[in-house]
Amino acid sequence: MMSCDKVREEKKALRRAIRAKMRSEWTEEYRQAVSERVCRQIETFLPFVRSHCVALYCALPDEVDLTAILERYQSDKRLLIPRVEGDDINFYTYQPESLITSEDYKILEPTAATEEAIDPAEIELILVPGVAFDLHGGRMGRGKGYYDRFFARCPHALRAAVTSSLQIVEQIPLEPWDEAMHYIISDGQTYEVRD
């Protein structure tokens, strides 16, 4: 069993390697093509088709862009996006006209009042961004732990990683609190993760 310090060092090295790879290959044209393919995969992904309440995200420049899903399904499903609040994230109903770019993370976030946060028990599916994933369900985020803490509050929801094939690696070094994904949706295909 690796020590937590060793795992953290391995994660740092992997983040650097993935970011270097992304800098050389992740052009705007590539991102658009990957995002279109991933959005098509999501539209036929049965847990998405069957879910009424879905948590997504507004993408950073190095993430798969889900704008097409947000635009196409905002009147058919209850779509939610996160806002960072202290050490946690909470999800709010997607309302494009009320989004602002956060000072800290430079990402679009909802401006809804805190009491409008959605009860995690209502969420059926979470489409999850990340820096890298493996086909065992391992996820490496940006290192702040927001999503892992949220997953602990929402254990019943299915978790589907949203990623490009560039970001799939053989093995993510995991810490005890890292939560596994149930599915990996990439521009190549969708994988169901088996325990």
C-alpha atoms as a PDB file:
ATOM      1  CA  MET A   1       0.000   0.000   0.000  1.00  0.00           C
ATOM      2  CA  MET A   2       1.468   3.333  -1.090  1.00  0.00           C
ATOM      3  CA  SER A   3       1.664   6.172   1.427  1.00  0.00           C
ATOM      4  CA  CYS A   4      -0.574   9.204   0.845  1.00  0.00           C
ATOM      5  CA  ASP A   5       2.524  11.370   0.277  1.00  0.00           C
ATOM      6  CA  LYS A   6       3.767   9.004  -2.429  1.00  0.00           C
ATOM      7  CA  VAL A   7       0.321   8.955  -4.089  1.00  0.00           C
ATOM      8  CA  ARG A   8       0.210  12.784  -4.042  1.00  0.00           C
ATOM      9  CA  GLU A   9       3.638  12.954  -5.675  1.00  0.00           C
ATOM     10  CA  GLU A  10       2.554  10.479  -8.358  1.00  0.00           C
ATOM     11  CA  LYS A  11      -0.604  12.523  -8.982  1.00  0.00           C
ATOM     12  CA  LYS A  12       1.438  15.727  -9.346  1.00  0.00           C
ATOM     13  CA  ALA A  13       3.725  14.050 -11.880  1.00  0.00           C
ATOM     14  CA  LEU A  14       0.735  12.640 -13.793  1.00  0.00           C
ATOM     15  CA  ARG A  15      -1.004  16.062 -13.830  1.00  0.00           C
ATOM     16  CA  ARG A  16       2.171  17.618 -15.283  1.00  0.00           C
ATOM     17  CA  ALA A  17       2.425  14.887 -17.937  1.00  0.00           C
ATOM     18  CA  ILE A  18      -1.245  15.206 -18.950  1.00  0.00           C
ATOM     19  CA  ARG A  19      -1.035  19.013 -19.081  1.00  0.00           C
ATOM     20  CA  ALA A  20       2.075  18.838 -21.284  1.00  0.00           C
ATOM     21  CA  LYS A  21       0.299  16.386 -23.605  1.00  0.00           C
ATOM     22  CA  MET A  22      -2.797  18.611 -23.686  1.00  0.00           C
ATOM     23  CA  ARG A  23      -0.739  21.735 -24.477  1.00  0.00           C
ATOM     24  CA  SER A  24       0.736  20.028 -27.532  1.00  0.00           C
ATOM     25  CA  GLU A  25      -2.421  18.303 -28.823  1.00  0.00           C
ATOM     26  CA  TRP A  26      -5.509  20.079 -27.396  1.00  0.00           C
ATOM     27  CA  THR A  27      -6.224  22.681 -30.071  1.00  0.00           C
ATOM     28  CA  GLU A  28      -9.570  24.471 -30.313  1.00  0.00           C
ATOM     29  CA  GLU A  29     -10.413  22.414 -33.424  1.00  0.00           C
ATOM     30  CA  TYR A  30      -9.564  19.187 -31.599  1.00  0.00           C
ATOM     31  CA  ARG A  31     -11.658  20.255 -28.585  1.00  0.00           C
ATOM     32  CA  GLN A  32     -14.664  21.002 -30.806  1.00  0.00           C
ATOM     33  CA  ALA A  33     -14.410  17.645 -32.577  1.00  0.00           C
ATOM     34  CA  VAL A  34     -13.991  15.738 -29.293  1.00  0.00           C
ATOM     35  CA  SER A  35     -16.854  17.657 -27.657  1.00  0.00           C
ATOM     36  CA  GLU A  36     -19.217  16.904 -30.569  1.00  0.00           C
ATOM     37  CA  ARG A  37     -18.388  13.185 -30.390  1.00  0.00           C
ATOM     38  CA  VAL A  38     -18.755  13.050 -26.598  1.00  0.00           C
ATOM     39  CA  CYS A  39     -22.080  14.915 -26.699  1.00  0.00           C
ATOM     40  CA  ARG A  40     -23.369  12.395 -29.259  1.00  0.00           C
ATOM     41  CA  GLN A  41     -22.274   9.556 -26.928  1.00  0.00           C
ATOM     42  CA  ILE A  42     -24.095  11.208 -24.007  1.00  0.00           C
ATOM     43  CA  GLU A  43     -27.318  11.565 -26.018  1.00  0.00           C
ATOM     44  CA  THR A  44     -27.499   7.785 -26.531  1.00  0.00           C
ATOM     45  CA  PHE A  45     -26.142   6.888 -23.063  1.00  0.00           C
ATOM     46  CA  LEU A  46     -29.050   5.081 -21.360  1.00  0.00           C
ATOM     47  CA  PRO A  47     -28.513   6.508 -17.848  1.00  0.00           C
ATOM     48  CA  PHE A  48     -28.686  10.006 -19.404  1.00  0.00           C
ATOM     49  CA  VAL A  49     -31.748   9.150 -21.508  1.00  0.00           C
ATOM     50  CA  ARG A  50     -33.550   7.780 -18.408  1.00  0.00           C
ATOM     51  CA  SER A  51     -32.489  10.481 -15.919  1.00  0.00           C
ATOM     52  CA  HIS A  52     -34.621  13.517 -15.190  1.00  0.00           C
ATOM     53  CA  CYS A  53     -32.166  15.335 -12.910  1.00  0.00           C
ATOM     54  CA  VAL A  54     -28.607  15.498 -14.276  1.00  0.00           C
ATOM     55  CA  ALA A  55     -25.609  17.366 -12.870  1.00  0.00           C
ATOM     56  CA  LEU A  56     -23.151  18.646 -15.514  1.00  0.00           C
ATOM     57  CA  TYR A  57     -20.609  21.468 -15.673  1.00  0.00           C
ATOM     58  CA  CYS A  58     -19.634  24.530 -17.676  1.00  0.00           C
ATOM     59  CA  ALA A  59     -16.288  23.597 -19.228  1.00  0.00           C
ATOM     60  CA  LEU A  60     -12.897  25.156 -18.708  1.00  0.00           C
ATOM     61  CA  PRO A  61     -10.830  25.528 -21.914  1.00  0.00           C
ATOM     62  CA  ASP A  62      -9.085  22.166 -21.312  1.00  0.00           C
ATOM     63  CA  GLU A  63     -12.306  20.216 -20.716  1.00  0.00           C
ATOM     64  CA  VAL A  64     -14.864  18.596 -22.999  1.00  0.00           C
ATOM     65  CA  ASP A  65     -17.501  21.241 -23.749  1.00  0.00           C
ATOM     66  CA  LEU A  66     -21.062  20.159 -22.886  1.00  0.00           C
ATOM     67  CA  THR A  67     -22.774  23.332 -24.139  1.00  0.00           C
ATOM     68  CA  ALA A  68     -24.642  21.342 -26.811  1.00  0.00           C
ATOM     69  CA  ILE A  69     -26.182  19.094 -24.131  1.00  0.00           C
ATOM     70  CA  LEU A  70     -27.033  22.073 -21.916  1.00  0.00           C
ATOM     71  CA  GLU A  71     -28.740  23.859 -24.815  1.00  0.00           C
ATOM     72  CA  ARG A  72     -30.575  20.827 -26.248  1.00  0.00           C
ATOM     73  CA  TYR A  73     -31.931  19.399 -23.005  1.00  0.00           C
ATOM     74  CA  GLN A  74     -32.563  22.389 -20.740  1.00  0.00           C
ATOM     75  CA  SER A  75     -36.311  22.213 -21.396  1.00  0.00           C
ATOM     76  CA  ASP A  76     -36.538  18.375 -21.273  1.00  0.00           C
ATOM     77  CA  LYS A  77     -34.529  17.614 -18.127  1.00  0.00           C
ATOM     78  CA  ARG A  78     -33.565  19.302 -14.896  1.00  0.00           C
ATOM     79  CA  LEU A  79     -29.951  20.224 -15.644  1.00  0.00           C
ATOM     80  CA  LEU A  80     -27.686  21.397 -12.838  1.00  0.00           C
ATOM     81  CA  ILE A  81     -24.282  23.044 -12.745  1.00  0.00           C
ATOM     82  CA  PRO A  82     -21.924  23.529  -9.806  1.00  0.00           C
ATOM     83  CA  ARG A  83     -20.738  26.536  -7.863  1.00  0.00           C
ATOM     84  CA  VAL A  84     -17.746  26.467  -5.531  1.00  0.00           C
ATOM     85  CA  GLU A  85     -18.742  27.520  -2.018  1.00  0.00           C
ATOM     86  CA  GLY A  86     -15.868  27.443   0.455  1.00  0.00           C
ATOM     87  CA  ASP A  87     -14.438  23.914   0.425  1.00  0.00           C
ATOM     88  CA  ASP A  88     -17.453  22.397  -1.309  1.00  0.00           C
ATOM     89  CA  ILE A  89     -19.493  22.539  -4.468  1.00  0.00           C
ATOM     90  CA  ASN A  90     -23.260  22.740  -4.638  1.00  0.00           C
ATOM     91  CA  PHE A  91     -25.396  22.321  -7.731  1.00  0.00           C
ATOM     92  CA  TYR A  92     -28.017  24.744  -9.016  1.00  0.00           C
ATOM     93  CA  THR A  93     -30.566  24.672 -11.829  1.00  0.00           C
ATOM     94  CA  TYR A  94     -28.933  25.642 -15.120  1.00  0.00           C
ATOM     95  CA  GLN A  95     -30.152  29.093 -16.171  1.00  0.00           C
ATOM     96  CA  PRO A  96     -27.817  30.429 -18.876  1.00  0.00           C
ATOM     97  CA  GLU A  97     -28.906  34.049 -18.413  1.00  0.00           C
ATOM     98  CA  SER A  98     -27.843  34.038 -14.747  1.00  0.00           C
ATOM     99  CA  LEU A  99     -24.303  32.666 -15.131  1.00  0.00           C
ATOM    100  CA  ILE A 100     -21.248  34.750 -14.280  1.00  0.00           C
ATOM    101  CA  THR A 101     -17.538  34.000 -14.562  1.00  0.00           C
ATOM    102  CA  SER A 102     -16.120  33.308 -11.098  1.00  0.00           C
ATOM    103  CA  GLU A 103     -13.175  35.374  -9.921  1.00  0.00           C
ATOM    104  CA  ASP A 104     -11.277  32.396  -8.468  1.00  0.00           C
ATOM    105  CA  TYR A 105     -11.666  29.737 -11.150  1.00  0.00           C
ATOM    106  CA  LYS A 106     -12.597  31.724 -14.286  1.00  0.00           C
ATOM    107  CA  ILE A 107     -15.488  29.366 -14.932  1.00  0.00           C
ATOM    108  CA  LEU A 108     -19.173  30.098 -15.491  1.00  0.00           C
ATOM    109  CA  GLU A 109     -21.126  29.591 -12.280  1.00  0.00           C
ATOM    110  CA  PRO A 110     -24.764  30.118 -11.284  1.00  0.00           C
ATOM    111  CA  THR A 111     -25.719  33.227  -9.310  1.00  0.00           C
ATOM    112  CA  ALA A 112     -28.720  31.633  -7.549  1.00  0.00           C
ATOM    113  CA  ALA A 113     -29.216  32.224  -3.825  1.00  0.00           C
ATOM    114  CA  THR A 114     -27.534  29.599  -1.613  1.00  0.00           C
ATOM    115  CA  GLU A 115     -30.895  28.299  -0.390  1.00  0.00           C
ATOM    116  CA  GLU A 116     -31.702  27.338  -4.011  1.00  0.00           C
ATOM    117  CA  ALA A 117     -28.981  24.648  -4.009  1.00  0.00           C
ATOM    118  CA  ILE A 118     -30.413  21.328  -5.163  1.00  0.00           C
ATOM    119  CA  ASP A 119     -30.714  18.538  -2.608  1.00  0.00           C
ATOM    120  CA  PRO A 120     -28.065  15.949  -3.627  1.00  0.00           C
ATOM    121  CA  ALA A 121     -30.684  13.210  -3.100  1.00  0.00           C
ATOM    122  CA  GLU A 122     -32.517  14.478  -6.219  1.00  0.00           C
ATOM    123  CA  ILE A 123     -29.551  13.974  -8.566  1.00  0.00           C
ATOM    124  CA  GLU A 124     -29.656  10.776 -10.631  1.00  0.00           C
ATOM    125  CA  LEU A 125     -26.569  11.204 -12.827  1.00  0.00           C
ATOM    126  CA  ILE A 126     -23.428  13.339 -12.550  1.00  0.00           C
ATOM    127  CA  LEU A 127     -21.353  14.028 -15.680  1.00  0.00           C
ATOM    128  CA  VAL A 128     -17.911  14.591 -14.202  1.00  0.00           C
ATOM    129  CA  PRO A 129     -14.925  16.511 -15.621  1.00  0.00           C
ATOM    130  CA  GLY A 130     -11.341  15.732 -14.647  1.00  0.00           C
ATOM    131  CA  VAL A 131      -7.694  15.939 -15.638  1.00  0.00           C
ATOM    132  CA  ALA A 132      -7.295  12.188 -16.223  1.00  0.00           C
ATOM    133  CA  PHE A 133      -9.193   8.912 -15.850  1.00  0.00           C
ATOM    134  CA  ASP A 134      -8.447   5.209 -16.078  1.00  0.00           C
ATOM    135  CA  LEU A 135     -10.687   2.394 -17.264  1.00  0.00           C
ATOM    136  CA  HIS A 136     -11.030   1.051 -13.713  1.00  0.00           C
ATOM    137  CA  GLY A 137     -13.044   4.157 -12.811  1.00  0.00           C
ATOM    138  CA  GLY A 138     -10.127   6.088 -11.303  1.00  0.00           C
ATOM    139  CA  ARG A 139     -10.400   9.881 -11.588  1.00  0.00           C
ATOM    140  CA  MET A 140      -7.833  12.588 -11.029  1.00  0.00           C
ATOM    141  CA  GLY A 141      -9.277  16.076 -10.697  1.00  0.00           C
ATOM    142  CA  ARG A 142      -7.492  19.360 -10.189  1.00  0.00           C
ATOM    143  CA  GLY A 143      -6.453  18.484  -6.650  1.00  0.00           C
ATOM    144  CA  LYS A 144      -8.984  20.378  -4.523  1.00  0.00           C
ATOM    145  CA  GLY A 145     -11.288  17.422  -3.795  1.00  0.00           C
ATOM    146  CA  TYR A 146     -14.555  19.272  -4.494  1.00  0.00           C
ATOM    147  CA  TYR A 147     -16.143  16.466  -6.482  1.00  0.00           C
ATOM    148  CA  ASP A 148     -15.012  13.669  -4.153  1.00  0.00           C
ATOM    149  CA  ARG A 149     -16.568  15.494  -1.183  1.00  0.00           C
ATOM    150  CA  PHE A 150     -19.762  16.023  -3.174  1.00  0.00           C
ATOM    151  CA  PHE A 151     -19.938  12.342  -4.199  1.00  0.00           C
ATOM    152  CA  ALA A 152     -19.914  11.408  -0.500  1.00  0.00           C
ATOM    153  CA  ARG A 153     -23.104  13.509  -0.105  1.00  0.00           C
ATOM    154  CA  CYS A 154     -24.656  11.938  -3.214  1.00  0.00           C
ATOM    155  CA  PRO A 155     -23.756   8.207  -3.061  1.00  0.00           C
ATOM    156  CA  HIS A 156     -26.836   6.986  -4.977  1.00  0.00           C
ATOM    157  CA  ALA A 157     -26.134   9.016  -8.167  1.00  0.00           C
ATOM    158  CA  LEU A 158     -24.406   7.405 -11.114  1.00  0.00           C
ATOM    159  CA  ARG A 159     -21.034   9.019 -11.887  1.00  0.00           C
ATOM    160  CA  ALA A 160     -19.950   9.227 -15.518  1.00  0.00           C
ATOM    161  CA  ALA A 161     -16.551  10.653 -16.406  1.00  0.00           C
ATOM    162  CA  VAL A 162     -16.563  12.946 -19.445  1.00  0.00           C
ATOM    163  CA  THR A 163     -13.196  12.973 -21.176  1.00  0.00           C
ATOM    164  CA  SER A 164     -11.146  12.864 -24.328  1.00  0.00           C
ATOM    165  CA  SER A 165      -9.141   9.748 -25.172  1.00  0.00           C
ATOM    166  CA  LEU A 166      -6.006  11.892 -24.588  1.00  0.00           C
ATOM    167  CA  GLN A 167      -6.854  11.950 -20.886  1.00  0.00           C
ATOM    168  CA  ILE A 168      -7.302   8.203 -20.378  1.00  0.00           C
ATOM    169  CA  VAL A 169      -4.283   6.633 -18.702  1.00  0.00           C
ATOM    170  CA  GLU A 170      -3.418   3.117 -17.605  1.00  0.00           C
ATOM    171  CA  GLN A 171      -3.725   3.719 -13.852  1.00  0.00           C
ATOM    172  CA  ILE A 172      -4.631   6.702 -11.656  1.00  0.00           C
ATOM    173  CA  PRO A 173      -2.853   6.677  -8.274  1.00  0.00           C
ATOM    174  CA  LEU A 174      -5.694   6.763  -5.729  1.00  0.00           C
ATOM    175  CA  GLU A 175      -6.075   8.054  -2.198  1.00  0.00           C
ATOM    176  CA  PRO A 176      -8.600   6.488   0.221  1.00  0.00           C
ATOM    177  CA  TRP A 177     -11.176   9.248  -0.324  1.00  0.00           C
ATOM    178  CA  ASP A 178     -11.031   9.160  -4.137  1.00  0.00           C
ATOM    179  CA  GLU A 179     -14.396   8.032  -5.487  1.00  0.00           C
ATOM    180  CA  ALA A 180     -14.562   5.800  -8.563  1.00  0.00           C
ATOM    181  CA  MET A 181     -16.596   6.528 -11.669  1.00  0.00           C
ATOM    182  CA  HIS A 182     -19.284   4.102 -12.820  1.00  0.00           C
ATOM    183  CA  TYR A 183     -18.811   4.971 -16.511  1.00  0.00           C
ATOM    184  CA  ILE A 184     -16.219   6.654 -18.721  1.00  0.00           C
ATOM    185  CA  ILE A 185     -17.630   8.562 -21.707  1.00  0.00           C
ATOM    186  CA  SER A 186     -14.883   9.492 -24.175  1.00  0.00           C
ATOM    187  CA  ASP A 187     -14.754  10.586 -27.788  1.00  0.00           C
ATOM    188  CA  GLY A 188     -13.876   6.986 -28.657  1.00  0.00           C
ATOM    189  CA  GLN A 189     -16.499   5.054 -26.749  1.00  0.00           C
ATOM    190  CA  THR A 190     -18.394   4.640 -23.482  1.00  0.00           C
ATOM    191  CA  TYR A 191     -17.015   2.189 -20.922  1.00  0.00           C
ATOM    192  CA  GLU A 192     -18.942   0.684 -18.043  1.00  0.00           C
ATOM    193  CA  VAL A 193     -16.633   0.207 -15.093  1.00  0.00           C
ATOM    194  CA  ARG A 194     -16.913  -3.147 -13.356  1.00  0.00           C
ATOM    195  CA  ASP A 195     -15.875  -3.582  -9.727  1.00  0.00           C
END
